[in-house]
């Protein structure tokens, strides 16, 4: 039995739809597309629930703050290994 599909939060459906459309046009195999899409939906769900102020999807400072928070969440709450966190592409902050 597979994992449940994490839907993009209502507040981010337009942004996610644009991302998903761009991802469909990218020269990637289906498994890679699904992995990237899943990671983004999970991040957006965390972002929606986090209560962070600012504009983390458009402001560089707010983005870096959100990424640090998400990395911390992945490591301390979800107990993800460092290589898993890095696979999510959050090695910028």
PDB file of N, CA and C in Angstrom:
ATOM      1  N   UNK A   1       0.850  -1.179   0.000  1.00  0.00           N
ATOM      2  CA  UNK A   1       0.000   0.000   0.000  1.00  0.00           C
ATOM      3  C   UNK A   1       0.892   1.238   0.000  1.00  0.00           C
ATOM      4  N   UNK A   2       0.663   2.175  -0.924  1.00  0.00           N
ATOM      5  CA  UNK A   2       1.493   3.363  -1.059  1.00  0.00           C
ATOM      6  C   UNK A   2       1.084   4.481  -0.125  1.00  0.00           C
ATOM      7  N   UNK A   3       1.883   5.515  -0.145  1.00  0.00           N
ATOM      8  CA  UNK A   3       1.596   6.685   0.679  1.00  0.00           C
ATOM      9  C   UNK A   3       0.412   7.463   0.120  1.00  0.00           C
ATOM     10  N   UNK A   4      -0.238   8.195   1.008  1.00  0.00           N
ATOM     11  CA  UNK A   4      -1.327   9.067   0.584  1.00  0.00           C
ATOM     12  C   UNK A   4      -0.757  10.265  -0.171  1.00  0.00           C
ATOM     13  N   UNK A   5      -1.454  10.688  -1.183  1.00  0.00           N
ATOM     14  CA  UNK A   5      -1.070  11.853  -1.972  1.00  0.00           C
ATOM     15  C   UNK A   5      -1.306  13.120  -1.149  1.00  0.00           C
ATOM     16  N   UNK A   6      -0.263  13.914  -0.962  1.00  0.00           N
ATOM     17  CA  UNK A   6      -0.356  15.190  -0.232  1.00  0.00           C
ATOM     18  C   UNK A   6      -0.817  16.256  -1.219  1.00  0.00           C
ATOM     19  N   UNK A   7      -2.005  16.780  -1.042  1.00  0.00           N
ATOM     20  CA  UNK A   7      -2.507  17.828  -1.928  1.00  0.00           C
ATOM     21  C   UNK A   7      -1.845  19.156  -1.580  1.00  0.00           C
ATOM     22  N   UNK A   8      -1.700  20.005  -2.576  1.00  0.00           N
ATOM     23  CA  UNK A   8      -1.200  21.356  -2.322  1.00  0.00           C
ATOM     24  C   UNK A   8      -2.262  22.112  -1.528  1.00  0.00           C
ATOM     25  N   UNK A   9      -1.852  22.881  -0.530  1.00  0.00           N
ATOM     26  CA  UNK A   9      -2.822  23.659   0.250  1.00  0.00           C
ATOM     27  C   UNK A   9      -3.577  24.645  -0.640  1.00  0.00           C
ATOM     28  N   UNK A  10      -4.795  24.924  -0.257  1.00  0.00           N
ATOM     29  CA  UNK A  10      -5.633  25.829  -1.044  1.00  0.00           C
ATOM     30  C   UNK A  10      -4.953  27.168  -1.313  1.00  0.00           C
ATOM     31  N   UNK A  11      -4.235  27.688  -0.334  1.00  0.00           N
ATOM     32  CA  UNK A  11      -3.566  28.978  -0.497  1.00  0.00           C
ATOM     33  C   UNK A  11      -2.502  28.952  -1.597  1.00  0.00           C
ATOM     34  N   UNK A  12      -2.040  27.756  -1.968  1.00  0.00           N
ATOM     35  CA  UNK A  12      -0.956  27.646  -2.949  1.00  0.00           C
ATOM     36  C   UNK A  12      -1.351  26.874  -4.201  1.00  0.00           C
ATOM     37  N   UNK A  13      -2.632  26.679  -4.450  1.00  0.00           N
ATOM     38  CA  UNK A  13      -3.038  25.867  -5.598  1.00  0.00           C
ATOM     39  C   UNK A  13      -2.617  26.486  -6.924  1.00  0.00           C
ATOM     40  N   UNK A  14      -2.708  27.787  -7.059  1.00  0.00           N
ATOM     41  CA  UNK A  14      -2.324  28.439  -8.316  1.00  0.00           C
ATOM     42  C   UNK A  14      -0.818  28.311  -8.545  1.00  0.00           C
ATOM     43  N   UNK A  15      -0.052  28.548  -7.505  1.00  0.00           N
ATOM     44  CA  UNK A  15       1.403  28.434  -7.611  1.00  0.00           C
ATOM     45  C   UNK A  15       1.788  26.995  -7.923  1.00  0.00           C
ATOM     46  N   UNK A  16       1.159  26.052  -7.237  1.00  0.00           N
ATOM     47  CA  UNK A  16       1.484  24.652  -7.495  1.00  0.00           C
ATOM     48  C   UNK A  16       1.094  24.246  -8.907  1.00  0.00           C
ATOM     49  N   UNK A  17      -0.039  24.701  -9.386  1.00  0.00           N
ATOM     50  CA  UNK A  17      -0.469  24.355 -10.742  1.00  0.00           C
ATOM     51  C   UNK A  17       0.535  24.859 -11.777  1.00  0.00           C
ATOM     52  N   UNK A  18       1.054  26.064 -11.585  1.00  0.00           N
ATOM     53  CA  UNK A  18       2.061  26.599 -12.506  1.00  0.00           C
ATOM     54  C   UNK A  18       3.338  25.766 -12.436  1.00  0.00           C
ATOM     55  N   UNK A  19       3.743  25.384 -11.234  1.00  0.00           N
ATOM     56  CA  UNK A  19       4.928  24.545 -11.075  1.00  0.00           C
ATOM     57  C   UNK A  19       4.723  23.194 -11.757  1.00  0.00           C
ATOM     58  N   UNK A  20       3.577  22.568 -11.517  1.00  0.00           N
ATOM     59  CA  UNK A  20       3.291  21.259 -12.097  1.00  0.00           C
ATOM     60  C   UNK A  20       3.280  21.323 -13.622  1.00  0.00           C
ATOM     61  N   UNK A  21       2.748  22.411 -14.180  1.00  0.00           N
ATOM     62  CA  UNK A  21       2.731  22.564 -15.638  1.00  0.00           C
ATOM     63  C   UNK A  21       4.154  22.697 -16.182  1.00  0.00           C
ATOM     64  N   UNK A  22       4.987  23.476 -15.502  1.00  0.00           N
ATOM     65  CA  UNK A  22       6.387  23.624 -15.928  1.00  0.00           C
ATOM     66  C   UNK A  22       7.123  22.293 -15.793  1.00  0.00           C
ATOM     67  N   UNK A  23       6.830  21.567 -14.751  1.00  0.00           N
ATOM     68  CA  UNK A  23       7.465  20.271 -14.523  1.00  0.00           C
ATOM     69  C   UNK A  23       7.108  19.289 -15.635  1.00  0.00           C
ATOM     70  N   UNK A  24       5.876  19.333 -16.109  1.00  0.00           N
ATOM     71  CA  UNK A  24       5.453  18.455 -17.208  1.00  0.00           C
ATOM     72  C   UNK A  24       6.227  18.722 -18.491  1.00  0.00           C
ATOM     73  N   UNK A  25       6.648  19.969 -18.673  1.00  0.00           N
ATOM     74  CA  UNK A  25       7.406  20.335 -19.877  1.00  0.00           C
ATOM     75  C   UNK A  25       8.899  20.055 -19.734  1.00  0.00           C
ATOM     76  N   UNK A  26       9.351  19.786 -18.525  1.00  0.00           N
ATOM     77  CA  UNK A  26      10.773  19.563 -18.282  1.00  0.00           C
ATOM     78  C   UNK A  26      11.198  18.190 -18.822  1.00  0.00           C
ATOM     79  N   UNK A  27      12.426  18.110 -19.314  1.00  0.00           N
ATOM     80  CA  UNK A  27      12.916  16.838 -19.858  1.00  0.00           C
ATOM     81  C   UNK A  27      13.335  15.878 -18.743  1.00  0.00           C
ATOM     82  N   UNK A  28      12.346  15.378 -18.004  1.00  0.00           N
ATOM     83  CA  UNK A  28      12.576  14.482 -16.870  1.00  0.00           C
ATOM     84  C   UNK A  28      11.721  13.242 -17.027  1.00  0.00           C
ATOM     85  N   UNK A  29      12.154  12.144 -16.427  1.00  0.00           N
ATOM     86  CA  UNK A  29      11.309  10.952 -16.485  1.00  0.00           C
ATOM     87  C   UNK A  29      10.172  11.089 -15.472  1.00  0.00           C
ATOM     88  N   UNK A  30       9.185  10.243 -15.599  1.00  0.00           N
ATOM     89  CA  UNK A  30       7.988  10.324 -14.765  1.00  0.00           C
ATOM     90  C   UNK A  30       8.257  10.194 -13.282  1.00  0.00           C
ATOM     91  N   UNK A  31       9.172   9.299 -12.903  1.00  0.00           N
ATOM     92  CA  UNK A  31       9.487   9.127 -11.486  1.00  0.00           C
ATOM     93  C   UNK A  31      10.103  10.393 -10.903  1.00  0.00           C
ATOM     94  N   UNK A  32      10.979  11.034 -11.655  1.00  0.00           N
ATOM     95  CA  UNK A  32      11.608  12.275 -11.188  1.00  0.00           C
ATOM     96  C   UNK A  32      10.560  13.370 -11.047  1.00  0.00           C
ATOM     97  N   UNK A  33       9.670  13.491 -12.030  1.00  0.00           N
ATOM     98  CA  UNK A  33       8.596  14.488 -11.947  1.00  0.00           C
ATOM     99  C   UNK A  33       7.740  14.267 -10.699  1.00  0.00           C
ATOM    100  N   UNK A  34       7.364  13.022 -10.458  1.00  0.00           N
ATOM    101  CA  UNK A  34       6.537  12.709  -9.286  1.00  0.00           C
ATOM    102  C   UNK A  34       7.272  13.035  -7.989  1.00  0.00           C
ATOM    103  N   UNK A  35       8.557  12.725  -7.932  1.00  0.00           N
ATOM    104  CA  UNK A  35       9.339  13.010  -6.721  1.00  0.00           C
ATOM    105  C   UNK A  35       9.424  14.515  -6.484  1.00  0.00           C
ATOM    106  N   UNK A  36       9.747  15.280  -7.531  1.00  0.00           N
ATOM    107  CA  UNK A  36       9.844  16.736  -7.381  1.00  0.00           C
ATOM    108  C   UNK A  36       8.507  17.332  -6.969  1.00  0.00           C
ATOM    109  N   UNK A  37       7.446  16.876  -7.626  1.00  0.00           N
ATOM    110  CA  UNK A  37       6.120  17.405  -7.315  1.00  0.00           C
ATOM    111  C   UNK A  37       5.728  17.086  -5.874  1.00  0.00           C
ATOM    112  N   UNK A  38       6.001  15.874  -5.438  1.00  0.00           N
ATOM    113  CA  UNK A  38       5.686  15.473  -4.069  1.00  0.00           C
ATOM    114  C   UNK A  38       6.449  16.324  -3.060  1.00  0.00           C
ATOM    115  N   UNK A  39       7.722  16.563  -3.324  1.00  0.00           N
ATOM    116  CA  UNK A  39       8.537  17.366  -2.412  1.00  0.00           C
ATOM    117  C   UNK A  39       8.024  18.801  -2.320  1.00  0.00           C
ATOM    118  N   UNK A  40       7.618  19.351  -3.442  1.00  0.00           N
ATOM    119  CA  UNK A  40       7.103  20.721  -3.436  1.00  0.00           C
ATOM    120  C   UNK A  40       5.764  20.788  -2.714  1.00  0.00           C
ATOM    121  N   UNK A  41       4.870  19.836  -2.955  1.00  0.00           N
ATOM    122  CA  UNK A  41       3.579  19.825  -2.257  1.00  0.00           C
ATOM    123  C   UNK A  41       3.774  19.692  -0.747  1.00  0.00           C
ATOM    124  N   UNK A  42       4.728  18.852  -0.336  1.00  0.00           N
ATOM    125  CA  UNK A  42       5.002  18.683   1.086  1.00  0.00           C
ATOM    126  C   UNK A  42       5.539  19.974   1.692  1.00  0.00           C
ATOM    127  N   UNK A  43       6.439  20.645   0.978  1.00  0.00           N
ATOM    128  CA  UNK A  43       6.964  21.923   1.456  1.00  0.00           C
ATOM    129  C   UNK A  43       5.849  22.965   1.549  1.00  0.00           C
ATOM    130  N   UNK A  44       4.997  23.044   0.542  1.00  0.00           N
ATOM    131  CA  UNK A  44       3.907  24.017   0.564  1.00  0.00           C
ATOM    132  C   UNK A  44       2.940  23.742   1.718  1.00  0.00           C
ATOM    133  N   UNK A  45       2.692  22.472   2.003  1.00  0.00           N
ATOM    134  CA  UNK A  45       1.830  22.131   3.138  1.00  0.00           C
ATOM    135  C   UNK A  45       2.482  22.584   4.446  1.00  0.00           C
ATOM    136  N   UNK A  46       3.784  22.349   4.574  1.00  0.00           N
ATOM    137  CA  UNK A  46       4.491  22.805   5.779  1.00  0.00           C
ATOM    138  C   UNK A  46       4.447  24.331   5.861  1.00  0.00           C
ATOM    139  N   UNK A  47       4.697  24.986   4.751  1.00  0.00           N
ATOM    140  CA  UNK A  47       4.701  26.448   4.715  1.00  0.00           C
ATOM    141  C   UNK A  47       3.339  27.002   5.117  1.00  0.00           C
ATOM    142  N   UNK A  48       2.284  26.391   4.621  1.00  0.00           N
ATOM    143  CA  UNK A  48       0.927  26.824   4.945  1.00  0.00           C
ATOM    144  C   UNK A  48       0.641  26.679   6.438  1.00  0.00           C
ATOM    145  N   UNK A  49       1.122  25.591   7.035  1.00  0.00           N
ATOM    146  CA  UNK A  49       0.866  25.337   8.452  1.00  0.00           C
ATOM    147  C   UNK A  49       1.842  26.065   9.382  1.00  0.00           C
ATOM    148  N   UNK A  50       2.933  26.570   8.830  1.00  0.00           N
ATOM    149  CA  UNK A  50       4.002  27.134   9.661  1.00  0.00           C
ATOM    150  C   UNK A  50       3.650  28.470  10.307  1.00  0.00           C
ATOM    151  N   UNK A  51       2.780  29.234   9.672  1.00  0.00           N
ATOM    152  CA  UNK A  51       2.440  30.548  10.203  1.00  0.00           C
ATOM    153  C   UNK A  51       3.539  31.583  10.012  1.00  0.00           C
ATOM    154  N   UNK A  52       4.498  31.301   9.129  1.00  0.00           N
ATOM    155  CA  UNK A  52       5.568  32.257   8.879  1.00  0.00           C
ATOM    156  C   UNK A  52       5.021  33.536   8.251  1.00  0.00           C
ATOM    157  N   UNK A  53       5.581  34.645   8.667  1.00  0.00           N
ATOM    158  CA  UNK A  53       5.240  35.923   8.050  1.00  0.00           C
ATOM    159  C   UNK A  53       6.120  36.139   6.828  1.00  0.00           C
ATOM    160  N   UNK A  54       5.753  37.123   6.052  1.00  0.00           N
ATOM    161  CA  UNK A  54       6.571  37.479   4.900  1.00  0.00           C
ATOM    162  C   UNK A  54       6.101  36.805   3.633  1.00  0.00           C
ATOM    163  N   UNK A  55       6.993  36.790   2.659  1.00  0.00           N
ATOM    164  CA  UNK A  55       6.679  36.251   1.341  1.00  0.00           C
ATOM    165  C   UNK A  55       7.776  35.271   0.919  1.00  0.00           C
ATOM    166  N   UNK A  56       7.806  34.085   1.512  1.00  0.00           N
ATOM    167  CA  UNK A  56       8.907  33.170   1.243  1.00  0.00           C
ATOM    168  C   UNK A  56       8.994  32.646  -0.187  1.00  0.00           C
ATOM    169  N   UNK A  57       7.946  32.819  -0.965  1.00  0.00           N
ATOM    170  CA  UNK A  57       8.009  32.361  -2.357  1.00  0.00           C
ATOM    171  C   UNK A  57       8.472  33.453  -3.316  1.00  0.00           C
ATOM    172  N   UNK A  58       8.585  34.696  -2.809  1.00  0.00           N
ATOM    173  CA  UNK A  58       8.997  35.789  -3.691  1.00  0.00           C
ATOM    174  C   UNK A  58      10.119  36.646  -3.131  1.00  0.00           C
ATOM    175  N   UNK A  59      10.364  36.595  -1.844  1.00  0.00           N
ATOM    176  CA  UNK A  59      11.394  37.422  -1.220  1.00  0.00           C
ATOM    177  C   UNK A  59      12.564  36.535  -0.800  1.00  0.00           C
ATOM    178  N   UNK A  60      13.780  36.886  -1.210  1.00  0.00           N
ATOM    179  CA  UNK A  60      14.956  36.050  -0.953  1.00  0.00           C
ATOM    180  C   UNK A  60      15.218  35.864   0.540  1.00  0.00           C
ATOM    181  N   UNK A  61      15.115  36.915   1.325  1.00  0.00           N
ATOM    182  CA  UNK A  61      15.356  36.806   2.760  1.00  0.00           C
ATOM    183  C   UNK A  61      14.320  35.895   3.411  1.00  0.00           C
ATOM    184  N   UNK A  62      13.056  36.115   3.090  1.00  0.00           N
ATOM    185  CA  UNK A  62      11.985  35.282   3.648  1.00  0.00           C
ATOM    186  C   UNK A  62      12.118  33.834   3.186  1.00  0.00           C
ATOM    187  N   UNK A  63      12.555  33.639   1.936  1.00  0.00           N
ATOM    188  CA  UNK A  63      12.775  32.291   1.410  1.00  0.00           C
ATOM    189  C   UNK A  63      13.831  31.571   2.233  1.00  0.00           C
ATOM    190  N   UNK A  64      14.967  32.237   2.441  1.00  0.00           N
ATOM    191  CA  UNK A  64      16.055  31.606   3.183  1.00  0.00           C
ATOM    192  C   UNK A  64      15.629  31.256   4.605  1.00  0.00           C
ATOM    193  N   UNK A  65      14.866  32.127   5.231  1.00  0.00           N
ATOM    194  CA  UNK A  65      14.349  31.875   6.574  1.00  0.00           C
ATOM    195  C   UNK A  65      13.424  30.652   6.567  1.00  0.00           C
ATOM    196  N   UNK A  66      12.540  30.585   5.572  1.00  0.00           N
ATOM    197  CA  UNK A  66      11.608  29.460   5.471  1.00  0.00           C
ATOM    198  C   UNK A  66      12.356  28.157   5.198  1.00  0.00           C
ATOM    199  N   UNK A  67      13.347  28.197   4.342  1.00  0.00           N
ATOM    200  CA  UNK A  67      14.111  26.995   4.023  1.00  0.00           C
ATOM    201  C   UNK A  67      14.832  26.478   5.264  1.00  0.00           C
ATOM    202  N   UNK A  68      15.425  27.372   6.035  1.00  0.00           N
ATOM    203  CA  UNK A  68      16.077  26.943   7.275  1.00  0.00           C
ATOM    204  C   UNK A  68      15.068  26.296   8.225  1.00  0.00           C
ATOM    205  N   UNK A  69      13.891  26.901   8.319  1.00  0.00           N
ATOM    206  CA  UNK A  69      12.850  26.339   9.175  1.00  0.00           C
ATOM    207  C   UNK A  69      12.390  24.974   8.705  1.00  0.00           C
ATOM    208  N   UNK A  70      12.240  24.815   7.402  1.00  0.00           N
ATOM    209  CA  UNK A  70      11.803  23.534   6.854  1.00  0.00           C
ATOM    210  C   UNK A  70      12.871  22.462   7.050  1.00  0.00           C
ATOM    211  N   UNK A  71      14.135  22.831   6.825  1.00  0.00           N
ATOM    212  CA  UNK A  71      15.220  21.880   7.064  1.00  0.00           C
ATOM    213  C   UNK A  71      15.226  21.423   8.519  1.00  0.00           C
ATOM    214  N   UNK A  72      15.065  22.365   9.424  1.00  0.00           N
ATOM    215  CA  UNK A  72      15.018  22.022  10.845  1.00  0.00           C
ATOM    216  C   UNK A  72      13.852  21.090  11.129  1.00  0.00           C
ATOM    217  N   UNK A  73      12.698  21.386  10.563  1.00  0.00           N
ATOM    218  CA  UNK A  73      11.507  20.542  10.721  1.00  0.00           C
ATOM    219  C   UNK A  73      11.775  19.129  10.204  1.00  0.00           C
ATOM    220  N   UNK A  74      12.373  19.040   9.029  1.00  0.00           N
ATOM    221  CA  UNK A  74      12.650  17.723   8.450  1.00  0.00           C
ATOM    222  C   UNK A  74      13.608  16.921   9.325  1.00  0.00           C
ATOM    223  N   UNK A  75      14.613  17.599   9.879  1.00  0.00           N
ATOM    224  CA  UNK A  75      15.615  16.900  10.691  1.00  0.00           C
ATOM    225  C   UNK A  75      15.108  16.562  12.086  1.00  0.00           C
ATOM    226  N   UNK A  76      14.424  17.499  12.739  1.00  0.00           N
ATOM    227  CA  UNK A  76      14.074  17.315  14.153  1.00  0.00           C
ATOM    228  C   UNK A  76      12.685  16.718  14.384  1.00  0.00           C
ATOM    229  N   UNK A  77      11.734  17.065  13.552  1.00  0.00           N
ATOM    230  CA  UNK A  77      10.370  16.544  13.731  1.00  0.00           C
ATOM    231  C   UNK A  77      10.160  15.270  12.913  1.00  0.00           C
ATOM    232  N   UNK A  78      10.571  15.306  11.662  1.00  0.00           N
ATOM    233  CA  UNK A  78      10.384  14.146  10.789  1.00  0.00           C
ATOM    234  C   UNK A  78      11.532  13.147  10.879  1.00  0.00           C
ATOM    235  N   UNK A  79      12.628  13.552  11.523  1.00  0.00           N
ATOM    236  CA  UNK A  79      13.810  12.700  11.708  1.00  0.00           C
ATOM    237  C   UNK A  79      14.361  12.178  10.386  1.00  0.00           C
ATOM    238  N   UNK A  80      14.437  13.079   9.404  1.00  0.00           N
ATOM    239  CA  UNK A  80      15.002  12.717   8.104  1.00  0.00           C
ATOM    240  C   UNK A  80      16.523  12.827   8.168  1.00  0.00           C
ATOM    241  N   UNK A  81      17.183  11.935   7.485  1.00  0.00           N
ATOM    242  CA  UNK A  81      18.642  11.953   7.412  1.00  0.00           C
ATOM    243  C   UNK A  81      19.101  13.145   6.571  1.00  0.00           C
ATOM    244  N   UNK A  82      20.314  13.573   6.807  1.00  0.00           N
ATOM    245  CA  UNK A  82      20.861  14.723   6.073  1.00  0.00           C
ATOM    246  C   UNK A  82      20.819  14.512   4.565  1.00  0.00           C
ATOM    247  N   UNK A  83      21.129  13.301   4.102  1.00  0.00           N
ATOM    248  CA  UNK A  83      21.101  13.079   2.653  1.00  0.00           C
ATOM    249  C   UNK A  83      19.681  13.169   2.100  1.00  0.00           C
ATOM    250  N   UNK A  84      18.672  12.831   2.896  1.00  0.00           N
ATOM    251  CA  UNK A  84      17.281  12.992   2.471  1.00  0.00           C
ATOM    252  C   UNK A  84      16.932  14.473   2.386  1.00  0.00           C
ATOM    253  N   UNK A  85      17.344  15.238   3.384  1.00  0.00           N
ATOM    254  CA  UNK A  85      17.101  16.681   3.371  1.00  0.00           C
ATOM    255  C   UNK A  85      17.774  17.303   2.152  1.00  0.00           C
ATOM    256  N   UNK A  86      19.007  16.921   1.891  1.00  0.00           N
ATOM    257  CA  UNK A  86      19.725  17.459   0.733  1.00  0.00           C
ATOM    258  C   UNK A  86      19.082  17.042  -0.576  1.00  0.00           C
ATOM    259  N   UNK A  87      18.499  15.861  -0.632  1.00  0.00           N
ATOM    260  CA  UNK A  87      17.809  15.409  -1.843  1.00  0.00           C
ATOM    261  C   UNK A  87      16.587  16.266  -2.145  1.00  0.00           C
ATOM    262  N   UNK A  88      16.068  16.913  -1.128  1.00  0.00           N
ATOM    263  CA  UNK A  88      14.931  17.813  -1.334  1.00  0.00           C
ATOM    264  C   UNK A  88      15.378  19.150  -1.893  1.00  0.00           C
ATOM    265  N   UNK A  89      16.658  19.344  -2.053  1.00  0.00           N
ATOM    266  CA  UNK A  89      17.169  20.572  -2.655  1.00  0.00           C
ATOM    267  C   UNK A  89      17.290  21.721  -1.679  1.00  0.00           C
ATOM    268  N   UNK A  90      17.256  21.450  -0.401  1.00  0.00           N
ATOM    269  CA  UNK A  90      17.290  22.526   0.595  1.00  0.00           C
ATOM    270  C   UNK A  90      18.702  22.718   1.125  1.00  0.00           C
ATOM    271  N   UNK A  91      19.678  22.639   0.260  1.00  0.00           N
ATOM    272  CA  UNK A  91      21.058  22.810   0.696  1.00  0.00           C
ATOM    273  C   UNK A  91      21.556  24.238   0.491  1.00  0.00           C
ATOM    274  N   UNK A  92      20.655  25.160   0.172  1.00  0.00           N
ATOM    275  CA  UNK A  92      21.031  26.563  -0.038  1.00  0.00           C
ATOM    276  C   UNK A  92      21.178  27.309   1.258  1.00  0.00           C
ATOM    277  N   UNK A  93      20.360  26.994   2.222  1.00  0.00           N
ATOM    278  CA  UNK A  93      20.354  27.806   3.454  1.00  0.00           C
ATOM    279  C   UNK A  93      20.898  27.019   4.616  1.00  0.00           C
TER     280      UNK A  93
END
